[in-house]
Structure formats: structure tokens, C-alpha cells
Amino acid sequence: MHCAHGRASGTLAPMDVQLRKWTRVEYERLVEAEIRGPDDRVELLGGAMICKEPQHSPHATAVGLVQRVLYRDAHPTRPVLVVEVALSRLGFDRDRKGSLYARAGLADYWIVNLPDRRLEVYRGPVSDGAAPFSWRYGTALALGPDDRVAPLAAPTATITVADLLP
């Protein structure tokens, strides 16, 4: 890493900061060494460690409901649907996380938008060089509390959006 040092006049010079990308294995080693704990509010996103919002009970409720619908018979070997519950980082979840999930080939990505009391459904990953991770979703739907939706992985299991909201 290269950093510029403060000037003699007492003011600080701008710093050139080089970010380090972390792998999942490196992050797990930090946990094993007890530098990071399993309960830390940090997530690894595109190689960057990001501080997560505090856990809210609506998150657990929404995720629990979706898990009951999708995992009725067995857990999948890879995610078939990602559900984010957003209170204040909507742009981050839409743009950064959405691009990363699209790049990973996840066909179905939902955001429970708490401030606007709606569910945002993103589907159909497409390549887009302008997106943060060069991918985005081709279809975006905004559903209100009275609307119903089914995960692509369980098309007959419909969920009322209101059941995902506090």
C-alpha cells in the first residue's frame, strides 16, 4: 500500500489508498484466528469487507418464510433465491449486490424494501459492462403489499408480499 504523509505545515496531504481484495478462504482464516468472529456484522462482497446493517426482526421473518417455501423437501446445493431486507442501503443492495448476484448467475433476487413497503423482484441476469460487476438483472418488478409472487425455484408456492413486511 502507498500512502502520502502529512505536510510540515500540519495539514494532511491526500492519501492514495489501494484496497485489498479478500477471498472467502482468507476471511475464514480471520475467523479461525479469532480476529473476526462469526457474529461480527461484516459480509464479504466482491472481495471487500462491508459492515452490515444491524439485524432487525423483519429480516429474520422474511427469510424464514422464504426458506419454508423453498426448502420444503431439501436444501439446494447452491442458492436459488437471495432475499435482502433493506432499511437504509437500498441503492447498495440494488446496484452492487444485484450486480454481484447477477454475475453469479442467480436467476431470482428479491429486496424487501422496508421504507417503501414493497418487494423488488429482479430476474434474468444479463451482461452489462457499465454495471459494478459487469452484470445486472434484465427484469425488475416492484410489488406492493397486496401482490403475490412465487420464487422461480418453486413456481407453485406463492407468497403475499405483506407476509414479508413488518
Foldseek 3Di string as FASTA:
>chain_A
DFFDAQDPVPGGDHTDDDDFFADPVRVVVCCVVVVDHPPQQWDHARRDTDRHDDDDPLVVQLVVVVCCQQAVPHDDPDDQEEEAEDADPVVCCQARVQFRCLVVVRAWYWYCYAVVQWIKIFGDKDAACVGPNRIHGPDIDIGHQQDWADRPSRRVDIDRSVSSYD
